[in-house]
Amino acid sequence: MPFGRAEEIRSVKLPSRAISPRPIIFYFDFLDPFAYLAATRIPRACREAEASLTLEPVNSRVMPAVGAVAMGERSSKQWETAGRAADHFGVILNRPGKYPFDATRVLETCLFVRDRSGQEAMAAVADALWSAIWADGADPERLRTALTAGRGVAVPEQVLRRSLEDPRAPEMLARVTARALRRGVTRVPEVQVDQRLYLGFNEVLTAERVIRCEQVQPGPGSTADGPDEGEGGDVALPDWTFSG
């Protein structure tokens, strides 16, 4: 090799795809409507930024939220806020007929699919469950809702049915939730970017901009938790923090 050639090779910049993708963690519970809204934004931002997204389904009802929010109860004002956010971002949001509901079964479904088929399969099941529960009005407590979502990634109904009847299913959910608590997660939705946790939907919007490497600077009338203006810059958004 000619003299200096090795130094030239060492100085060549590697393409961006050769660099490890930026790791992002999204903590969610199907019980929370703002976690649903966050789920329509964070995965897309990660795909466009070529970031590595890990979904972590957790049982938010055992997390140290404040007052009735911890049990999934919502005021009429909070539902109005959720509706305005959904309209602003063009997302269908229909309040389930039963609320609050027990999301344990659908959370356990996601964890079983991840353990069986991996993160991408679980992401597909989570997408199906979000739409079924918050757009189509499916009952999240019915076994059929979980079985239908599993069918989308070729999980046989009998296999999924047996897994949800296994006593180890709630143990797995408890372990994943306990791990999230040790990491400092207190509510949903919550996103971890570069070791920083962004709590609540208002901060999730900030996390989305960070993932996209957009400049994040509070403007007039905004807070450090996130912007007060929408993507178009002409719609004033309220404080979207829903879970507390």
C-alpha atoms as a PDB file:
ATOM      1  CA  MET A   1       0.000   0.000   0.000  1.00  0.00           C
ATOM      2  CA  PRO A   2       1.469   3.384  -0.962  1.00  0.00           C
ATOM      3  CA  PHE A   3       2.706   5.576   1.869  1.00  0.00           C
ATOM      4  CA  GLY A   4      -0.116   7.731   3.224  1.00  0.00           C
ATOM      5  CA  ARG A   5      -2.880   5.513   1.842  1.00  0.00           C
ATOM      6  CA  ALA A   6      -3.725   4.071   5.278  1.00  0.00           C
ATOM      7  CA  GLU A   7      -4.037   7.565   6.735  1.00  0.00           C
ATOM      8  CA  GLU A   8      -6.331   8.515   3.860  1.00  0.00           C
ATOM      9  CA  ILE A   9      -8.577   5.518   4.529  1.00  0.00           C
ATOM     10  CA  ARG A  10      -8.780   6.337   8.233  1.00  0.00           C
ATOM     11  CA  SER A  11      -9.901   9.875   7.425  1.00  0.00           C
ATOM     12  CA  VAL A  12     -12.867   8.772   5.289  1.00  0.00           C
ATOM     13  CA  LYS A  13     -16.207   9.507   6.941  1.00  0.00           C
ATOM     14  CA  LEU A  14     -18.558   6.575   7.319  1.00  0.00           C
ATOM     15  CA  PRO A  15     -22.078   6.926   5.934  1.00  0.00           C
ATOM     16  CA  SER A  16     -24.767   7.753   8.495  1.00  0.00           C
ATOM     17  CA  ARG A  17     -26.309   4.285   8.261  1.00  0.00           C
ATOM     18  CA  ALA A  18     -23.035   2.782   9.549  1.00  0.00           C
ATOM     19  CA  ILE A  19     -23.450   4.703  12.803  1.00  0.00           C
ATOM     20  CA  SER A  20     -25.522   3.095  15.550  1.00  0.00           C
ATOM     21  CA  PRO A  21     -29.108   4.413  15.459  1.00  0.00           C
ATOM     22  CA  ARG A  22     -30.106   6.769  18.249  1.00  0.00           C
ATOM     23  CA  PRO A  23     -31.945   4.744  20.937  1.00  0.00           C
ATOM     24  CA  ILE A  24     -35.429   5.936  21.931  1.00  0.00           C
ATOM     25  CA  ILE A  25     -37.751   4.317  24.500  1.00  0.00           C
ATOM     26  CA  PHE A  26     -41.495   4.972  24.528  1.00  0.00           C
ATOM     27  CA  TYR A  27     -43.352   3.985  27.711  1.00  0.00           C
ATOM     28  CA  PHE A  28     -47.103   3.611  27.265  1.00  0.00           C
ATOM     29  CA  ASP A  29     -50.341   2.192  28.614  1.00  0.00           C
ATOM     30  CA  PHE A  30     -53.411   1.656  26.435  1.00  0.00           C
ATOM     31  CA  LEU A  31     -55.461   3.155  29.259  1.00  0.00           C
ATOM     32  CA  ASP A  32     -54.250   6.695  28.571  1.00  0.00           C
ATOM     33  CA  PRO A  33     -55.675   8.668  25.614  1.00  0.00           C
ATOM     34  CA  PHE A  34     -52.623  10.913  25.480  1.00  0.00           C
ATOM     35  CA  ALA A  35     -50.396   7.857  25.253  1.00  0.00           C
ATOM     36  CA  TYR A  36     -52.510   6.950  22.215  1.00  0.00           C
ATOM     37  CA  LEU A  37     -51.903  10.374  20.690  1.00  0.00           C
ATOM     38  CA  ALA A  38     -48.183  10.072  21.428  1.00  0.00           C
ATOM     39  CA  ALA A  39     -48.174   6.658  19.745  1.00  0.00           C
ATOM     40  CA  THR A  40     -49.315   8.313  16.517  1.00  0.00           C
ATOM     41  CA  ARG A  41     -46.281  10.634  16.536  1.00  0.00           C
ATOM     42  CA  ILE A  42     -43.191   9.143  18.198  1.00  0.00           C
ATOM     43  CA  PRO A  43     -42.838   5.991  16.022  1.00  0.00           C
ATOM     44  CA  ARG A  44     -43.141   8.067  12.841  1.00  0.00           C
ATOM     45  CA  ALA A  45     -40.550  10.560  14.090  1.00  0.00           C
ATOM     46  CA  CYS A  46     -38.177   7.685  14.871  1.00  0.00           C
ATOM     47  CA  ARG A  47     -38.629   6.142  11.421  1.00  0.00           C
ATOM     48  CA  GLU A  48     -37.965   9.444   9.672  1.00  0.00           C
ATOM     49  CA  ALA A  49     -34.918  10.150  11.849  1.00  0.00           C
ATOM     50  CA  GLU A  50     -33.661   6.562  11.509  1.00  0.00           C
ATOM     51  CA  ALA A  51     -33.689   6.228  15.301  1.00  0.00           C
ATOM     52  CA  SER A  52     -34.041   2.906  17.103  1.00  0.00           C
ATOM     53  CA  LEU A  53     -37.386   2.770  18.923  1.00  0.00           C
ATOM     54  CA  THR A  54     -38.120   0.427  21.821  1.00  0.00           C
ATOM     55  CA  LEU A  55     -41.731   0.180  22.954  1.00  0.00           C
ATOM     56  CA  GLU A  56     -42.282  -0.519  26.649  1.00  0.00           C
ATOM     57  CA  PRO A  57     -45.852  -1.366  27.671  1.00  0.00           C
ATOM     58  CA  VAL A  58     -46.291  -0.669  31.388  1.00  0.00           C
ATOM     59  CA  ASN A  59     -49.077  -0.818  33.942  1.00  0.00           C
ATOM     60  CA  SER A  60     -49.474   2.876  34.741  1.00  0.00           C
ATOM     61  CA  ARG A  61     -52.097   2.164  37.403  1.00  0.00           C
ATOM     62  CA  VAL A  62     -49.356   1.132  39.838  1.00  0.00           C
ATOM     63  CA  MET A  63     -47.208   4.162  39.089  1.00  0.00           C
ATOM     64  CA  PRO A  64     -46.962   7.118  41.498  1.00  0.00           C
ATOM     65  CA  ALA A  65     -49.363   9.396  39.622  1.00  0.00           C
ATOM     66  CA  VAL A  66     -51.348  11.968  41.565  1.00  0.00           C
ATOM     67  CA  GLY A  67     -54.885  11.328  42.791  1.00  0.00           C
ATOM     68  CA  ALA A  68     -57.578   9.879  40.533  1.00  0.00           C
ATOM     69  CA  VAL A  69     -55.338  10.124  37.449  1.00  0.00           C
ATOM     70  CA  ALA A  70     -53.455   7.094  38.757  1.00  0.00           C
ATOM     71  CA  MET A  71     -56.618   5.019  38.376  1.00  0.00           C
ATOM     72  CA  GLY A  72     -57.431   6.272  34.902  1.00  0.00           C
ATOM     73  CA  GLU A  73     -60.230   8.676  35.821  1.00  0.00           C
ATOM     74  CA  ARG A  74     -60.531  11.840  33.745  1.00  0.00           C
ATOM     75  CA  SER A  75     -62.409  15.103  34.088  1.00  0.00           C
ATOM     76  CA  SER A  76     -64.603  16.549  31.340  1.00  0.00           C
ATOM     77  CA  LYS A  77     -62.024  19.317  30.862  1.00  0.00           C
ATOM     78  CA  GLN A  78     -59.278  16.736  30.286  1.00  0.00           C
ATOM     79  CA  TRP A  79     -61.401  14.954  27.683  1.00  0.00           C
ATOM     80  CA  GLU A  80     -61.983  18.266  25.932  1.00  0.00           C
ATOM     81  CA  THR A  81     -58.236  18.879  25.909  1.00  0.00           C
ATOM     82  CA  ALA A  82     -57.609  15.424  24.462  1.00  0.00           C
ATOM     83  CA  GLY A  83     -60.213  16.052  21.783  1.00  0.00           C
ATOM     84  CA  ARG A  84     -58.635  19.358  20.757  1.00  0.00           C
ATOM     85  CA  ALA A  85     -55.225  17.711  20.531  1.00  0.00           C
ATOM     86  CA  ALA A  86     -56.629  14.903  18.382  1.00  0.00           C
ATOM     87  CA  ASP A  87     -58.354  17.381  16.061  1.00  0.00           C
ATOM     88  CA  HIS A  88     -55.193  19.456  15.750  1.00  0.00           C
ATOM     89  CA  PHE A  89     -53.088  16.467  14.732  1.00  0.00           C
ATOM     90  CA  GLY A  90     -55.756  14.858  12.548  1.00  0.00           C
ATOM     91  CA  VAL A  91     -56.208  11.772  14.734  1.00  0.00           C
ATOM     92  CA  ILE A  92     -59.480   9.928  15.335  1.00  0.00           C
ATOM     93  CA  LEU A  93     -60.167   9.791  19.078  1.00  0.00           C
ATOM     94  CA  ASN A  94     -63.348   8.151  20.350  1.00  0.00           C
ATOM     95  CA  ARG A  95     -63.835   7.745  24.066  1.00  0.00           C
ATOM     96  CA  PRO A  96     -64.357   4.036  24.873  1.00  0.00           C
ATOM     97  CA  GLY A  97     -67.813   3.029  26.068  1.00  0.00           C
ATOM     98  CA  LYS A  98     -66.286   1.844  29.333  1.00  0.00           C
ATOM     99  CA  TYR A  99     -63.741   4.111  30.966  1.00  0.00           C
ATOM    100  CA  PRO A 100     -61.560   3.639  32.879  1.00  0.00           C
ATOM    101  CA  PHE A 101     -60.957   0.082  31.719  1.00  0.00           C
ATOM    102  CA  ASP A 102     -58.559  -2.676  32.657  1.00  0.00           C
ATOM    103  CA  ALA A 103     -55.763  -2.659  30.058  1.00  0.00           C
ATOM    104  CA  THR A 104     -53.900  -5.593  31.605  1.00  0.00           C
ATOM    105  CA  ARG A 105     -54.875  -8.119  28.936  1.00  0.00           C
ATOM    106  CA  VAL A 106     -53.811  -6.002  25.964  1.00  0.00           C
ATOM    107  CA  LEU A 107     -50.549  -5.018  27.690  1.00  0.00           C
ATOM    108  CA  GLU A 108     -49.795  -8.688  28.351  1.00  0.00           C
ATOM    109  CA  THR A 109     -50.624  -9.439  24.715  1.00  0.00           C
ATOM    110  CA  CYS A 110     -47.928  -7.007  23.578  1.00  0.00           C
ATOM    111  CA  LEU A 111     -45.338  -8.506  25.921  1.00  0.00           C
ATOM    112  CA  PHE A 112     -46.136 -12.059  24.810  1.00  0.00           C
ATOM    113  CA  VAL A 113     -45.807 -11.102  21.135  1.00  0.00           C
ATOM    114  CA  ARG A 114     -42.500  -9.348  21.808  1.00  0.00           C
ATOM    115  CA  ASP A 115     -41.174 -12.386  23.664  1.00  0.00           C
ATOM    116  CA  ARG A 116     -42.345 -14.704  20.873  1.00  0.00           C
ATOM    117  CA  SER A 117     -41.658 -12.701  17.723  1.00  0.00           C
ATOM    118  CA  GLY A 118     -39.672  -9.571  18.579  1.00  0.00           C
ATOM    119  CA  GLN A 119     -40.084  -5.817  18.852  1.00  0.00           C
ATOM    120  CA  GLU A 120     -41.388  -5.199  15.323  1.00  0.00           C
ATOM    121  CA  ALA A 121     -44.172  -7.755  15.705  1.00  0.00           C
ATOM    122  CA  MET A 122     -45.160  -6.190  19.011  1.00  0.00           C
ATOM    123  CA  ALA A 123     -45.197  -2.742  17.390  1.00  0.00           C
ATOM    124  CA  ALA A 124     -47.644  -4.029  14.771  1.00  0.00           C
ATOM    125  CA  VAL A 125     -49.888  -5.496  17.471  1.00  0.00           C
ATOM    126  CA  ALA A 126     -49.730  -2.271  19.501  1.00  0.00           C
ATOM    127  CA  ASP A 127     -50.746  -0.243  16.438  1.00  0.00           C
ATOM    128  CA  ALA A 128     -53.715  -2.558  15.878  1.00  0.00           C
ATOM    129  CA  LEU A 129     -54.763  -2.279  19.516  1.00  0.00           C
ATOM    130  CA  TRP A 130     -54.480   1.519  19.607  1.00  0.00           C
ATOM    131  CA  SER A 131     -56.769   1.799  16.580  1.00  0.00           C
ATOM    132  CA  ALA A 132     -59.195  -0.830  17.821  1.00  0.00           C
ATOM    133  CA  ILE A 133     -59.598   0.757  21.257  1.00  0.00           C
ATOM    134  CA  TRP A 134     -59.441   4.491  20.560  1.00  0.00           C
ATOM    135  CA  ALA A 135     -60.726   4.761  16.995  1.00  0.00           C
ATOM    136  CA  ASP A 136     -63.000   1.763  16.395  1.00  0.00           C
ATOM    137  CA  GLY A 137     -64.537   1.357  19.845  1.00  0.00           C
ATOM    138  CA  ALA A 138     -63.397  -2.206  20.562  1.00  0.00           C
ATOM    139  CA  ASP A 139     -63.642  -3.348  24.180  1.00  0.00           C
ATOM    140  CA  PRO A 140     -60.036  -3.683  25.472  1.00  0.00           C
ATOM    141  CA  GLU A 141     -61.170  -6.075  28.199  1.00  0.00           C
ATOM    142  CA  ARG A 142     -62.616  -8.608  25.740  1.00  0.00           C
ATOM    143  CA  LEU A 143     -60.376 -11.497  24.796  1.00  0.00           C
ATOM    144  CA  ARG A 144     -61.497 -11.147  21.190  1.00  0.00           C
ATOM    145  CA  THR A 145     -59.815  -7.723  20.928  1.00  0.00           C
ATOM    146  CA  ALA A 146     -56.453  -9.227  21.887  1.00  0.00           C
ATOM    147  CA  LEU A 147     -56.908 -12.290  19.662  1.00  0.00           C
ATOM    148  CA  THR A 148     -57.752 -10.153  16.633  1.00  0.00           C
ATOM    149  CA  ALA A 149     -54.623  -8.040  17.108  1.00  0.00           C
ATOM    150  CA  GLY A 150     -52.457 -11.138  17.465  1.00  0.00           C
ATOM    151  CA  ARG A 151     -53.859 -12.576  14.260  1.00  0.00           C
ATOM    152  CA  GLY A 152     -52.306  -9.661  12.384  1.00  0.00           C
ATOM    153  CA  VAL A 153     -48.807 -11.002  13.109  1.00  0.00           C
ATOM    154  CA  ALA A 154     -49.730 -14.670  12.620  1.00  0.00           C
ATOM    155  CA  VAL A 155     -50.061 -15.625  16.286  1.00  0.00           C
ATOM    156  CA  PRO A 156     -52.507 -18.575  16.429  1.00  0.00           C
ATOM    157  CA  GLU A 157     -55.528 -17.808  18.594  1.00  0.00           C
ATOM    158  CA  GLN A 158     -55.080 -20.878  20.769  1.00  0.00           C
ATOM    159  CA  VAL A 159     -51.430 -19.988  21.427  1.00  0.00           C
ATOM    160  CA  LEU A 160     -52.275 -16.434  22.453  1.00  0.00           C
ATOM    161  CA  ARG A 161     -55.270 -17.597  24.486  1.00  0.00           C
ATOM    162  CA  ARG A 162     -53.106 -20.030  26.472  1.00  0.00           C
ATOM    163  CA  SER A 163     -50.416 -17.413  27.010  1.00  0.00           C
ATOM    164  CA  LEU A 164     -52.907 -14.932  28.480  1.00  0.00           C
ATOM    165  CA  GLU A 165     -54.212 -17.606  30.839  1.00  0.00           C
ATOM    166  CA  ASP A 166     -50.669 -18.406  32.003  1.00  0.00           C
ATOM    167  CA  PRO A 167     -49.922 -17.008  35.507  1.00  0.00           C
ATOM    168  CA  ARG A 168     -46.535 -15.889  34.212  1.00  0.00           C
ATOM    169  CA  ALA A 169     -48.203 -13.251  31.987  1.00  0.00           C
ATOM    170  CA  PRO A 170     -49.014 -10.810  34.839  1.00  0.00           C
ATOM    171  CA  GLU A 171     -45.604 -11.543  36.342  1.00  0.00           C
ATOM    172  CA  MET A 172     -43.932 -10.386  33.122  1.00  0.00           C
ATOM    173  CA  LEU A 173     -45.971  -7.171  33.079  1.00  0.00           C
ATOM    174  CA  ALA A 174     -45.078  -6.545  36.723  1.00  0.00           C
ATOM    175  CA  ARG A 175     -41.356  -7.026  35.984  1.00  0.00           C
ATOM    176  CA  VAL A 176     -41.386  -4.670  32.996  1.00  0.00           C
ATOM    177  CA  THR A 177     -43.287  -2.038  34.979  1.00  0.00           C
ATOM    178  CA  ALA A 178     -40.911  -2.380  37.955  1.00  0.00           C
ATOM    179  CA  ARG A 179     -37.946  -1.899  35.605  1.00  0.00           C
ATOM    180  CA  ALA A 180     -39.530   1.278  34.228  1.00  0.00           C
ATOM    181  CA  LEU A 181     -40.035   2.581  37.756  1.00  0.00           C
ATOM    182  CA  ARG A 182     -36.374   1.971  38.550  1.00  0.00           C
ATOM    183  CA  ARG A 183     -35.473   4.046  35.498  1.00  0.00           C
ATOM    184  CA  GLY A 184     -37.495   6.951  36.856  1.00  0.00           C
ATOM    185  CA  VAL A 185     -40.671   6.521  34.829  1.00  0.00           C
ATOM    186  CA  THR A 186     -43.658   7.773  36.843  1.00  0.00           C
ATOM    187  CA  ARG A 187     -46.536   8.132  34.339  1.00  0.00           C
ATOM    188  CA  VAL A 188     -47.470   7.697  30.706  1.00  0.00           C
ATOM    189  CA  PRO A 189     -46.850   8.766  28.071  1.00  0.00           C
ATOM    190  CA  GLU A 190     -43.129   9.067  28.685  1.00  0.00           C
ATOM    191  CA  VAL A 191     -40.253   9.065  26.209  1.00  0.00           C
ATOM    192  CA  GLN A 192     -36.564   8.555  26.908  1.00  0.00           C
ATOM    193  CA  VAL A 193     -34.105  10.269  24.576  1.00  0.00           C
ATOM    194  CA  ASP A 194     -30.370  10.353  25.328  1.00  0.00           C
ATOM    195  CA  GLN A 195     -30.951   9.302  28.963  1.00  0.00           C
ATOM    196  CA  ARG A 196     -33.465  12.127  29.479  1.00  0.00           C
ATOM    197  CA  LEU A 197     -37.095  11.348  30.278  1.00  0.00           C
ATOM    198  CA  TYR A 198     -39.849  13.476  28.739  1.00  0.00           C
ATOM    199  CA  LEU A 199     -43.017  13.171  30.845  1.00  0.00           C
ATOM    200  CA  GLY A 200     -46.532  13.896  29.607  1.00  0.00           C
ATOM    201  CA  PHE A 201     -47.779  14.732  26.129  1.00  0.00           C
ATOM    202  CA  ASN A 202     -46.510  18.313  26.181  1.00  0.00           C
ATOM    203  CA  GLU A 203     -42.962  17.055  26.757  1.00  0.00           C
ATOM    204  CA  VAL A 204     -43.523  14.243  24.265  1.00  0.00           C
ATOM    205  CA  LEU A 205     -43.944  16.932  21.616  1.00  0.00           C
ATOM    206  CA  THR A 206     -40.604  18.357  22.708  1.00  0.00           C
ATOM    207  CA  ALA A 207     -39.065  14.873  22.552  1.00  0.00           C
ATOM    208  CA  GLU A 208     -40.414  14.510  19.024  1.00  0.00           C
ATOM    209  CA  ARG A 209     -38.544  17.655  17.970  1.00  0.00           C
ATOM    210  CA  VAL A 210     -35.377  16.432  19.688  1.00  0.00           C
ATOM    211  CA  ILE A 211     -35.638  13.110  17.832  1.00  0.00           C
ATOM    212  CA  ARG A 212     -35.982  14.996  14.561  1.00  0.00           C
ATOM    213  CA  CYS A 213     -32.964  17.137  15.564  1.00  0.00           C
ATOM    214  CA  GLU A 214     -35.062  20.275  15.332  1.00  0.00           C
ATOM    215  CA  GLN A 215     -34.106  23.316  17.341  1.00  0.00           C
ATOM    216  CA  VAL A 216     -36.044  23.398  20.613  1.00  0.00           C
ATOM    217  CA  GLN A 217     -36.283  26.849  22.153  1.00  0.00           C
ATOM    218  CA  PRO A 218     -39.196  28.092  24.257  1.00  0.00           C
ATOM    219  CA  GLY A 219     -40.816  31.041  22.555  1.00  0.00           C
ATOM    220  CA  PRO A 220     -42.977  33.855  23.967  1.00  0.00           C
ATOM    221  CA  GLY A 221     -45.707  32.409  26.154  1.00  0.00           C
ATOM    222  CA  SER A 222     -44.284  28.888  26.056  1.00  0.00           C
ATOM    223  CA  THR A 223     -42.641  26.794  28.737  1.00  0.00           C
ATOM    224  CA  ALA A 224     -39.623  24.566  28.951  1.00  0.00           C
ATOM    225  CA  ASP A 225     -42.024  21.595  28.794  1.00  0.00           C
ATOM    226  CA  GLY A 226     -42.777  22.174  25.145  1.00  0.00           C
ATOM    227  CA  PRO A 227     -43.976  24.584  22.479  1.00  0.00           C
ATOM    228  CA  ASP A 228     -47.234  26.478  22.665  1.00  0.00           C
ATOM    229  CA  GLU A 229     -47.691  26.600  18.913  1.00  0.00           C
ATOM    230  CA  GLY A 230     -48.598  23.851  16.523  1.00  0.00           C
ATOM    231  CA  GLU A 231     -46.590  22.617  13.597  1.00  0.00           C
ATOM    232  CA  GLY A 232     -48.082  25.288  11.368  1.00  0.00           C
ATOM    233  CA  GLY A 233     -47.191  28.004  13.854  1.00  0.00           C
ATOM    234  CA  ASP A 234     -50.674  29.541  13.764  1.00  0.00           C
ATOM    235  CA  VAL A 235     -52.550  27.370  16.255  1.00  0.00           C
ATOM    236  CA  ALA A 236     -52.043  27.979  19.958  1.00  0.00           C
ATOM    237  CA  LEU A 237     -51.890  24.683  21.826  1.00  0.00           C
ATOM    238  CA  PRO A 238     -52.710  24.374  25.516  1.00  0.00           C
ATOM    239  CA  ASP A 239     -50.625  22.413  27.990  1.00  0.00           C
ATOM    240  CA  TRP A 240     -51.142  18.879  26.723  1.00  0.00           C
ATOM    241  CA  THR A 241     -49.850  17.173  29.887  1.00  0.00           C
ATOM    242  CA  PHE A 242     -52.714  14.799  30.615  1.00  0.00           C
ATOM    243  CA  SER A 243     -51.557  12.365  33.270  1.00  0.00           C
ATOM    244  CA  GLY A 244     -51.043  14.898  36.012  1.00  0.00           C
END
